[in-house]
C-alpha atoms as a PDB file:
ATOM      1  CA  MET A   1      -2.232 -14.091 -22.070  1.00  0.00           C
ATOM      2  CA  ASN A   2      -4.190 -11.243 -23.851  1.00  0.00           C
ATOM      3  CA  GLN A   3      -5.568  -8.053 -22.202  1.00  0.00           C
ATOM      4  CA  SER A   4      -9.088  -9.544 -21.667  1.00  0.00           C
ATOM      5  CA  GLU A   5      -7.792 -12.549 -19.996  1.00  0.00           C
ATOM      6  CA  PHE A   6      -5.386 -10.524 -17.861  1.00  0.00           C
ATOM      7  CA  GLU A   7      -8.142  -8.240 -16.790  1.00  0.00           C
ATOM      8  CA  ASN A   8     -10.477 -11.245 -15.900  1.00  0.00           C
ATOM      9  CA  ASN A   9      -7.808 -12.784 -13.809  1.00  0.00           C
ATOM     10  CA  ILE A  10      -7.425  -9.522 -11.932  1.00  0.00           C
ATOM     11  CA  LEU A  11     -11.122  -9.057 -11.402  1.00  0.00           C
ATOM     12  CA  LYS A  12     -11.328 -12.694 -10.074  1.00  0.00           C
ATOM     13  CA  SER A  13      -8.600 -11.950  -7.505  1.00  0.00           C
ATOM     14  CA  TRP A  14     -10.363  -8.933  -6.528  1.00  0.00           C
ATOM     15  CA  GLU A  15     -13.571 -10.821  -5.885  1.00  0.00           C
ATOM     16  CA  ASN A  16     -11.841 -13.306  -3.776  1.00  0.00           C
ATOM     17  CA  PRO A  17     -13.073 -12.463  -0.103  1.00  0.00           C
ATOM     18  CA  GLU A  18      -9.436 -13.228   0.965  1.00  0.00           C
ATOM     19  CA  HIS A  19      -8.336 -10.066  -0.747  1.00  0.00           C
ATOM     20  CA  VAL A  20     -10.311  -7.642   1.500  1.00  0.00           C
ATOM     21  CA  ARG A  21      -9.990  -9.882   4.456  1.00  0.00           C
ATOM     22  CA  LEU A  22      -6.174  -9.687   4.384  1.00  0.00           C
ATOM     23  CA  ARG A  23      -6.206  -5.955   4.205  1.00  0.00           C
ATOM     24  CA  THR A  24      -8.817  -5.306   7.004  1.00  0.00           C
ATOM     25  CA  ALA A  25      -8.586  -8.275   9.241  1.00  0.00           C
ATOM     26  CA  ALA A  26      -5.176  -9.602   8.887  1.00  0.00           C
ATOM     27  CA  ARG A  27      -4.446 -12.641  11.342  1.00  0.00           C
ATOM     28  CA  VAL A  28      -1.046 -13.368  13.004  1.00  0.00           C
ATOM     29  CA  THR A  29      -1.222 -16.602  11.192  1.00  0.00           C
ATOM     30  CA  ASP A  30      -0.822 -14.753   7.848  1.00  0.00           C
ATOM     31  CA  VAL A  31       2.689 -14.594   6.429  1.00  0.00           C
ATOM     32  CA  ASP A  32       1.944 -10.967   5.401  1.00  0.00           C
ATOM     33  CA  TYR A  33       0.468 -10.040   8.682  1.00  0.00           C
ATOM     34  CA  PHE A  34       2.560  -7.180   9.632  1.00  0.00           C
ATOM     35  CA  HIS A  35       2.397  -5.603   6.328  1.00  0.00           C
ATOM     36  CA  PHE A  36      -1.403  -5.521   6.176  1.00  0.00           C
ATOM     37  CA  PHE A  37      -1.911  -4.915   9.856  1.00  0.00           C
ATOM     38  CA  ASP A  38       0.273  -1.769   9.744  1.00  0.00           C
ATOM     39  CA  LEU A  39      -1.142  -0.560   6.547  1.00  0.00           C
ATOM     40  CA  TYR A  40      -4.732  -0.771   7.756  1.00  0.00           C
ATOM     41  CA  ASP A  41      -3.585   1.008  10.961  1.00  0.00           C
ATOM     42  CA  PHE A  42      -2.266   3.978   9.102  1.00  0.00           C
ATOM     43  CA  ILE A  43      -5.321   4.204   6.794  1.00  0.00           C
ATOM     44  CA  ARG A  44      -7.555   4.099  10.082  1.00  0.00           C
ATOM     45  CA  ARG A  45      -5.559   6.906  11.558  1.00  0.00           C
ATOM     46  CA  ASN A  46      -6.454   8.956   8.619  1.00  0.00           C
ATOM     47  CA  ALA A  47     -10.125   7.811   8.331  1.00  0.00           C
ATOM     48  CA  THR A  48     -13.213   9.874   9.105  1.00  0.00           C
ATOM     49  CA  GLU A  49     -16.944   9.441   9.420  1.00  0.00           C
ATOM     50  CA  LYS A  50     -17.614  12.937   8.034  1.00  0.00           C
ATOM     51  CA  PRO A  51     -19.658  13.308   4.736  1.00  0.00           C
ATOM     52  CA  ILE A  52     -16.660  14.149   2.572  1.00  0.00           C
ATOM     53  CA  LYS A  53     -15.953  13.436  -1.017  1.00  0.00           C
ATOM     54  CA  ILE A  54     -13.168  10.970  -1.738  1.00  0.00           C
ATOM     55  CA  LEU A  55     -11.511   9.533  -4.716  1.00  0.00           C
ATOM     56  CA  ASP A  56     -10.022   6.117  -4.455  1.00  0.00           C
ATOM     57  CA  TYR A  57      -7.290   6.618  -7.092  1.00  0.00           C
ATOM     58  CA  GLY A  58      -6.432   2.955  -8.257  1.00  0.00           C
ATOM     59  CA  ALA A  59      -9.242   1.539  -6.336  1.00  0.00           C
ATOM     60  CA  GLY A  60      -9.362  -2.223  -7.069  1.00  0.00           C
ATOM     61  CA  PRO A  61     -12.066  -3.516  -4.866  1.00  0.00           C
ATOM     62  CA  SER A  62     -11.775  -0.604  -2.440  1.00  0.00           C
ATOM     63  CA  PRO A  63     -10.890  -2.632   0.690  1.00  0.00           C
ATOM     64  CA  TYR A  64     -10.684   0.633   2.818  1.00  0.00           C
ATOM     65  CA  GLN A  65     -14.069   2.171   1.955  1.00  0.00           C
ATOM     66  CA  THR A  66     -15.613   0.971   5.225  1.00  0.00           C
ATOM     67  CA  CYS A  67     -13.053   3.344   6.956  1.00  0.00           C
ATOM     68  CA  PHE A  68     -15.117   6.366   5.439  1.00  0.00           C
ATOM     69  CA  PRO A  69     -18.775   5.391   6.183  1.00  0.00           C
ATOM     70  CA  GLY A  70     -20.118   8.948   5.687  1.00  0.00           C
ATOM     71  CA  ALA A  71     -18.298   9.664   2.494  1.00  0.00           C
ATOM     72  CA  ASP A  72     -19.440  10.050  -1.146  1.00  0.00           C
ATOM     73  CA  TYR A  73     -16.799   7.466  -2.147  1.00  0.00           C
ATOM     74  CA  ARG A  74     -15.727   7.518  -5.893  1.00  0.00           C
ATOM     75  CA  LYS A  75     -13.564   4.961  -7.462  1.00  0.00           C
ATOM     76  CA  ALA A  76     -11.141   5.144 -10.335  1.00  0.00           C
ATOM     77  CA  ASP A  77      -8.947   2.311 -11.986  1.00  0.00           C
ATOM     78  CA  VAL A  78      -7.675   1.148 -15.193  1.00  0.00           C
ATOM     79  CA  ILE A  79      -9.689  -1.889 -15.081  1.00  0.00           C
ATOM     80  CA  ALA A  80     -13.580  -1.622 -15.362  1.00  0.00           C
ATOM     81  CA  ALA A  81     -14.416  -3.201 -11.979  1.00  0.00           C
ATOM     82  CA  PRO A  82     -18.140  -3.256 -10.759  1.00  0.00           C
ATOM     83  CA  GLY A  83     -19.042   0.057  -9.156  1.00  0.00           C
ATOM     84  CA  LEU A  84     -16.349   2.104 -10.967  1.00  0.00           C
ATOM     85  CA  HIS A  85     -16.921   5.815 -11.493  1.00  0.00           C
ATOM     86  CA  TYR A  86     -13.915   6.840 -13.598  1.00  0.00           C
ATOM     87  CA  CYS A  87     -11.637   4.890 -15.906  1.00  0.00           C
ATOM     88  CA  ILE A  88      -8.070   5.999 -15.457  1.00  0.00           C
ATOM     89  CA  ARG A  89      -6.658   7.259 -18.947  1.00  0.00           C
ATOM     90  CA  PRO A  90      -3.435   5.837 -20.386  1.00  0.00           C
ATOM     91  CA  ASP A  91      -1.448   9.015 -19.122  1.00  0.00           C
ATOM     92  CA  SER A  92      -2.653   8.410 -15.549  1.00  0.00           C
ATOM     93  CA  THR A  93      -5.170  11.196 -15.507  1.00  0.00           C
ATOM     94  CA  VAL A  94      -8.856  11.172 -14.400  1.00  0.00           C
ATOM     95  CA  PRO A  95     -11.790  12.448 -16.407  1.00  0.00           C
ATOM     96  CA  GLU A  96     -13.047  15.052 -13.632  1.00  0.00           C
ATOM     97  CA  SER A  97     -12.887  18.740 -13.011  1.00  0.00           C
ATOM     98  CA  ASP A  98     -10.360  20.561 -10.841  1.00  0.00           C
ATOM     99  CA  GLY A  99     -10.849  20.855  -7.001  1.00  0.00           C
ATOM    100  CA  VAL A 100     -13.602  18.250  -6.557  1.00  0.00           C
ATOM    101  CA  PHE A 101     -12.428  16.044  -3.786  1.00  0.00           C
ATOM    102  CA  ASP A 102     -11.850  16.532  -0.065  1.00  0.00           C
ATOM    103  CA  LEU A 103      -9.452  13.564  -0.022  1.00  0.00           C
ATOM    104  CA  VAL A 104      -7.644  11.305  -2.510  1.00  0.00           C
ATOM    105  CA  LEU A 105      -6.879   7.867  -1.248  1.00  0.00           C
ATOM    106  CA  SER A 106      -4.098   6.033  -3.028  1.00  0.00           C
ATOM    107  CA  THR A 107      -3.007   2.560  -1.547  1.00  0.00           C
ATOM    108  CA  GLN A 108      -0.226   0.479  -2.988  1.00  0.00           C
ATOM    109  CA  VAL A 109      -0.716   2.119  -6.479  1.00  0.00           C
ATOM    110  CA  VAL A 110       1.850   4.391  -7.667  1.00  0.00           C
ATOM    111  CA  GLU A 111       4.652   1.770  -7.920  1.00  0.00           C
ATOM    112  CA  HIS A 112       2.702   0.513 -10.986  1.00  0.00           C
ATOM    113  CA  VAL A 113       2.297   3.936 -12.615  1.00  0.00           C
ATOM    114  CA  ALA A 114       4.634   4.529 -15.511  1.00  0.00           C
ATOM    115  CA  ASN A 115       4.656   8.331 -15.056  1.00  0.00           C
ATOM    116  CA  PRO A 116       4.388   9.003 -11.385  1.00  0.00           C
ATOM    117  CA  GLN A 117       4.846  12.625 -11.440  1.00  0.00           C
ATOM    118  CA  VAL A 118       1.784  13.010 -13.644  1.00  0.00           C
ATOM    119  CA  TYR A 119      -0.083  10.976 -11.005  1.00  0.00           C
ATOM    120  CA  PHE A 120       1.006  13.060  -8.095  1.00  0.00           C
ATOM    121  CA  SER A 121       0.141  16.299  -9.943  1.00  0.00           C
ATOM    122  CA  GLU A 122      -3.369  14.843 -10.853  1.00  0.00           C
ATOM    123  CA  CYS A 123      -3.822  14.057  -6.931  1.00  0.00           C
ATOM    124  CA  PHE A 124      -3.025  17.661  -6.495  1.00  0.00           C
ATOM    125  CA  ARG A 125      -5.282  18.932  -9.089  1.00  0.00           C
ATOM    126  CA  LEU A 126      -8.400  16.875  -8.045  1.00  0.00           C
ATOM    127  CA  LEU A 127      -8.140  18.124  -4.607  1.00  0.00           C
ATOM    128  CA  ARG A 128     -10.095  21.251  -3.262  1.00  0.00           C
ATOM    129  CA  LYS A 129      -7.882  23.697  -1.353  1.00  0.00           C
ATOM    130  CA  GLY A 130      -7.577  22.175   2.135  1.00  0.00           C
ATOM    131  CA  GLY A 131      -8.139  18.746   0.889  1.00  0.00           C
ATOM    132  CA  LYS A 132      -5.637  15.963   1.593  1.00  0.00           C
ATOM    133  CA  LEU A 133      -3.874  13.087  -0.125  1.00  0.00           C
ATOM    134  CA  VAL A 134      -3.446   9.900   1.862  1.00  0.00           C
ATOM    135  CA  LEU A 135      -0.966   7.735   0.085  1.00  0.00           C
ATOM    136  CA  THR A 136       0.922   4.515   0.573  1.00  0.00           C
ATOM    137  CA  THR A 137       3.411   2.624  -1.601  1.00  0.00           C
ATOM    138  CA  HIS A 138       6.300   0.277  -1.291  1.00  0.00           C
ATOM    139  CA  GLY A 139       9.630   0.932   0.093  1.00  0.00           C
ATOM    140  CA  VAL A 140      10.820  -2.588  -0.052  1.00  0.00           C
ATOM    141  CA  TRP A 141       8.859  -5.277  -1.928  1.00  0.00           C
ATOM    142  CA  GLU A 142       9.235  -7.991  -4.340  1.00  0.00           C
ATOM    143  CA  GLU A 143       8.634  -7.238  -8.029  1.00  0.00           C
ATOM    144  CA  HIS A 144       4.872  -7.893  -8.758  1.00  0.00           C
ATOM    145  CA  GLY A 145       4.019  -6.450 -12.123  1.00  0.00           C
ATOM    146  CA  VAL A 146       0.142  -6.310 -12.733  1.00  0.00           C
ATOM    147  CA  PRO A 147       1.175  -5.987 -15.542  1.00  0.00           C
ATOM    148  CA  TYR A 148       4.034  -3.610 -14.685  1.00  0.00           C
ATOM    149  CA  ASP A 149       6.055  -2.610 -11.454  1.00  0.00           C
ATOM    150  CA  PHE A 150       8.193   0.383 -12.066  1.00  0.00           C
ATOM    151  CA  GLN A 151       9.681   2.050  -8.961  1.00  0.00           C
ATOM    152  CA  ARG A 152      10.125   2.220  -5.209  1.00  0.00           C
ATOM    153  CA  TRP A 153      10.336   5.197  -2.789  1.00  0.00           C
ATOM    154  CA  THR A 154      12.473   6.516   0.007  1.00  0.00           C
ATOM    155  CA  GLU A 155      11.533   9.187   2.403  1.00  0.00           C
ATOM    156  CA  GLN A 156      13.370  11.865   0.599  1.00  0.00           C
ATOM    157  CA  GLY A 157      12.183  10.777  -2.833  1.00  0.00           C
ATOM    158  CA  MET A 158       8.487  10.823  -1.685  1.00  0.00           C
ATOM    159  CA  ARG A 159       8.955  14.283  -0.086  1.00  0.00           C
ATOM    160  CA  ARG A 160      10.665  15.504  -3.230  1.00  0.00           C
ATOM    161  CA  ASP A 161       8.057  14.151  -5.619  1.00  0.00           C
ATOM    162  CA  LEU A 162       5.006  15.479  -3.634  1.00  0.00           C
ATOM    163  CA  LYS A 163       6.579  19.036  -3.319  1.00  0.00           C
ATOM    164  CA  GLN A 164       7.188  19.040  -7.068  1.00  0.00           C
ATOM    165  CA  ALA A 165       3.461  18.250  -7.451  1.00  0.00           C
ATOM    166  CA  GLY A 166       2.458  21.282  -5.498  1.00  0.00           C
ATOM    167  CA  PHE A 167       2.177  19.817  -2.028  1.00  0.00           C
ATOM    168  CA  HIS A 168       4.002  22.311   0.401  1.00  0.00           C
ATOM    169  CA  GLN A 169       4.859  20.365   3.552  1.00  0.00           C
ATOM    170  CA  PRO A 170       3.862  16.557   3.076  1.00  0.00           C
ATOM    171  CA  GLU A 171       3.967  14.404   6.218  1.00  0.00           C
ATOM    172  CA  ILE A 172       6.150  11.232   5.505  1.00  0.00           C
ATOM    173  CA  TYR A 173       5.654   7.940   7.427  1.00  0.00           C
ATOM    174  CA  LYS A 174       7.274   4.591   7.355  1.00  0.00           C
ATOM    175  CA  LEU A 175       5.407   1.363   7.898  1.00  0.00           C
ATOM    176  CA  THR A 176       6.477  -1.945   9.324  1.00  0.00           C
ATOM    177  CA  CYS A 177       9.853  -0.836  10.536  1.00  0.00           C
ATOM    178  CA  GLY A 178      12.994  -2.320  12.282  1.00  0.00           C
ATOM    179  CA  PHE A 179      12.619  -5.824  13.694  1.00  0.00           C
ATOM    180  CA  ARG A 180       8.993  -5.975  12.435  1.00  0.00           C
ATOM    181  CA  ALA A 181      10.311  -5.413   8.953  1.00  0.00           C
ATOM    182  CA  LEU A 182      13.172  -7.918   9.421  1.00  0.00           C
ATOM    183  CA  MET A 183      11.081 -10.692  10.696  1.00  0.00           C
ATOM    184  CA  PHE A 184       8.350 -10.055   7.896  1.00  0.00           C
ATOM    185  CA  LEU A 185      10.954 -10.204   5.180  1.00  0.00           C
ATOM    186  CA  PHE A 186      12.678 -13.213   6.529  1.00  0.00           C
ATOM    187  CA  THR A 187       9.344 -15.112   7.019  1.00  0.00           C
ATOM    188  CA  ARG A 188       8.014 -14.119   3.537  1.00  0.00           C
ATOM    189  CA  THR A 189      11.295 -15.079   1.827  1.00  0.00           C
ATOM    190  CA  TYR A 190      11.711 -18.333   3.569  1.00  0.00           C
ATOM    191  CA  PHE A 191       8.349 -19.549   2.529  1.00  0.00           C
ATOM    192  CA  GLU A 192       8.881 -18.435  -1.197  1.00  0.00           C
ATOM    193  CA  VAL A 193      12.539 -19.379  -1.874  1.00  0.00           C
ATOM    194  CA  LEU A 194      13.227 -22.562  -3.548  1.00  0.00           C
ATOM    195  CA  PRO A 195      15.128 -25.331  -1.565  1.00  0.00           C
ATOM    196  CA  PRO A 196      18.664 -26.316  -2.390  1.00  0.00           C
ATOM    197  CA  ALA A 197      18.941 -28.869  -5.069  1.00  0.00           C
ATOM    198  CA  PRO A 198      21.063 -31.618  -3.185  1.00  0.00           C
ATOM    199  CA  TRP A 199      18.890 -34.217  -1.390  1.00  0.00           C
ATOM    200  CA  LEU A 200      20.208 -33.761   2.137  1.00  0.00           C
ATOM    201  CA  PRO A 201      20.321 -29.988   2.363  1.00  0.00           C
ATOM    202  CA  GLN A 202      16.865 -29.946   0.550  1.00  0.00           C
ATOM    203  CA  LYS A 203      15.332 -32.333   3.289  1.00  0.00           C
ATOM    204  CA  VAL A 204      16.926 -30.075   6.061  1.00  0.00           C
ATOM    205  CA  PHE A 205      15.693 -27.026   4.487  1.00  0.00           C
ATOM    206  CA  LYS A 206      12.138 -28.285   4.131  1.00  0.00           C
ATOM    207  CA  SER A 207      12.155 -29.694   7.605  1.00  0.00           C
ATOM    208  CA  ILE A 208      13.222 -26.461   9.230  1.00  0.00           C
ATOM    209  CA  ARG A 209      10.584 -24.522   7.169  1.00  0.00           C
ATOM    210  CA  PHE A 210       7.761 -26.852   8.409  1.00  0.00           C
ATOM    211  CA  ILE A 211       8.903 -26.179  11.926  1.00  0.00           C
ATOM    212  CA  TYR A 212       9.115 -22.335  11.301  1.00  0.00           C
ATOM    213  CA  SER A 213       5.552 -22.522   9.734  1.00  0.00           C
ATOM    214  CA  LYS A 214       4.440 -23.455  13.288  1.00  0.00           C
ATOM    215  CA  LEU A 215       6.561 -20.917  15.043  1.00  0.00           C
ATOM    216  CA  PHE A 216       6.417 -17.703  13.019  1.00  0.00           C
ATOM    217  CA  PRO A 217       3.043 -16.736  14.470  1.00  0.00           C
ATOM    218  CA  LEU A 218       4.536 -16.658  18.017  1.00  0.00           C
ATOM    219  CA  ILE A 219       7.369 -14.718  16.665  1.00  0.00           C
ATOM    220  CA  TYR A 220       5.018 -12.227  14.935  1.00  0.00           C
ATOM    221  CA  ARG A 221       3.034 -11.916  18.389  1.00  0.00           C
ATOM    222  CA  THR A 222       6.412 -11.255  20.196  1.00  0.00           C
ATOM    223  CA  CYS A 223       7.351  -8.582  17.729  1.00  0.00           C
ATOM    224  CA  GLY A 224       4.012  -6.943  18.048  1.00  0.00           C
ATOM    225  CA  LYS A 225       4.272  -7.011  21.847  1.00  0.00           C
ATOM    226  CA  TYR A 226       7.775  -5.461  22.157  1.00  0.00           C
ATOM    227  CA  TRP A 227       7.916  -3.331  18.970  1.00  0.00           C
ATOM    228  CA  PRO A 228       4.371  -1.933  18.527  1.00  0.00           C
ATOM    229  CA  GLN A 229       5.879   1.680  17.987  1.00  0.00           C
ATOM    230  CA  ALA A 230       7.643   0.222  14.723  1.00  0.00           C
ATOM    231  CA  GLY A 231       4.362  -0.234  13.012  1.00  0.00           C
ATOM    232  CA  VAL A 232       3.737   3.366  11.811  1.00  0.00           C
ATOM    233  CA  VAL A 233       6.582   5.771  12.267  1.00  0.00           C
ATOM    234  CA  LYS A 234       6.445   9.469  11.423  1.00  0.00           C
ATOM    235  CA  ALA A 235       9.698  10.571   9.403  1.00  0.00           C
ATOM    236  CA  VAL A 236      11.457  13.735  10.643  1.00  0.00           C
ATOM    237  CA  GLU A 237      12.980  15.673   7.860  1.00  0.00           C
ATOM    238  CA  GLY A 238      16.719  16.029   7.903  1.00  0.00           C
ATOM    239  CA  SER A 239      17.254  13.058  10.287  1.00  0.00           C
ATOM    240  CA  VAL A 240      17.425   9.207   9.824  1.00  0.00           C
ATOM    241  CA  THR A 241      14.160   7.809  11.105  1.00  0.00           C
ATOM    242  CA  SER A 242      13.716   4.189  10.938  1.00  0.00           C
ATOM    243  CA  PRO A 243      15.899   3.422   7.891  1.00  0.00           C
ATOM    244  CA  PHE A 244      14.496  -0.115   7.457  1.00  0.00           C
ATOM    245  CA  TYR A 245      10.916  -0.128   6.355  1.00  0.00           C
ATOM    246  CA  ILE A 246       8.397  -2.018   4.078  1.00  0.00           C
ATOM    247  CA  VAL A 247       5.992   0.751   3.172  1.00  0.00           C
ATOM    248  CA  ILE A 248       6.460   4.464   2.706  1.00  0.00           C
ATOM    249  CA  ALA A 249       3.307   6.629   3.291  1.00  0.00           C
ATOM    250  CA  ALA A 250       2.303  10.274   3.120  1.00  0.00           C
ATOM    251  CA  VAL A 251      -0.271  12.619   4.130  1.00  0.00           C
ATOM    252  CA  ALA A 252      -0.192  15.967   2.028  1.00  0.00           C
ATOM    253  CA  GLU A 253      -2.659  18.928   2.199  1.00  0.00           C
ATOM    254  CA  LYS A 254      -3.268  21.177  -0.721  1.00  0.00           C
ATOM    255  CA  THR A 255      -2.813  24.443   0.665  1.00  0.00           C
ATOM    256  CA  THR A 256      -2.955  26.633  -2.382  1.00  0.00           C
END
C-alpha cells in the first residue's frame, strides 16, 4: 500500500460516523465502552465554554471539538483532513509562532510520535504563559501502527517527560483502572484472540464466547455501578496510585 492509499484509508475511517460516536457517546454494548467512556469523561472535566484559542495537536476528525463550543479551534495533523489548519512537519513541529494558544489538546497521539520529547517541547512552546496542555495516551494497549506505534507511558515516565519539556508541576491521571481495566482487557482480548485449533476445544471456546457476548454488557454495568471511582484517578506523586490502568493522562500548565 502506497502513502496515498494509506492516507485515503485513514480519512475514510475518520469519516465513518462510528469513529466520533464511540468517542463521545459510547454504549455499554460496545466492547471498548470503558476506554471511550472514561476518556470522554476526562476531556469533559477539562472542557470549557470560554472563547479560548485551542490547538488540537494530532486532530484526526476532532471528536472532542464540541466540548469547547466557544473556542477558536485549530487543528493540526500529518494527514490533510478537511478543515485542517496546520500540517505537522516530519519532526513533529507546527508552523506557528510561540505562545499562541490557551490550550493544547492531544488525545491518543503521542504513542505514534517518533520523537515525543520534541512533541512535548512543541506543546510547551505553542502555549501562552498560563496556558494548559491536556494530554492522553496509552498506558496499556495493543500495538496499532497508523503506520507507526512507538511507545507507552507510566505515571513517572509522563511526569519526567513533561518536566523536561518545561512544565513545572504536571498533574497526572490514570483512566480505566483496576477492575474496570481488568474486565475491559479480558473482554477485548476474548473477542480478538483466535480459538484453539482442535475441533472440540474450538467449539467450546466459540460457544463460551457467544454466551459472553450476551453477558459482557451486564458485567460492564456492574463494574460501572460498583467501581465508578476507577474511571478517572488522579495520581499522587511518590505513592502507588491505581497501578493497573489503560490510559495515562496529564494536565500541565505553562507557568513561565
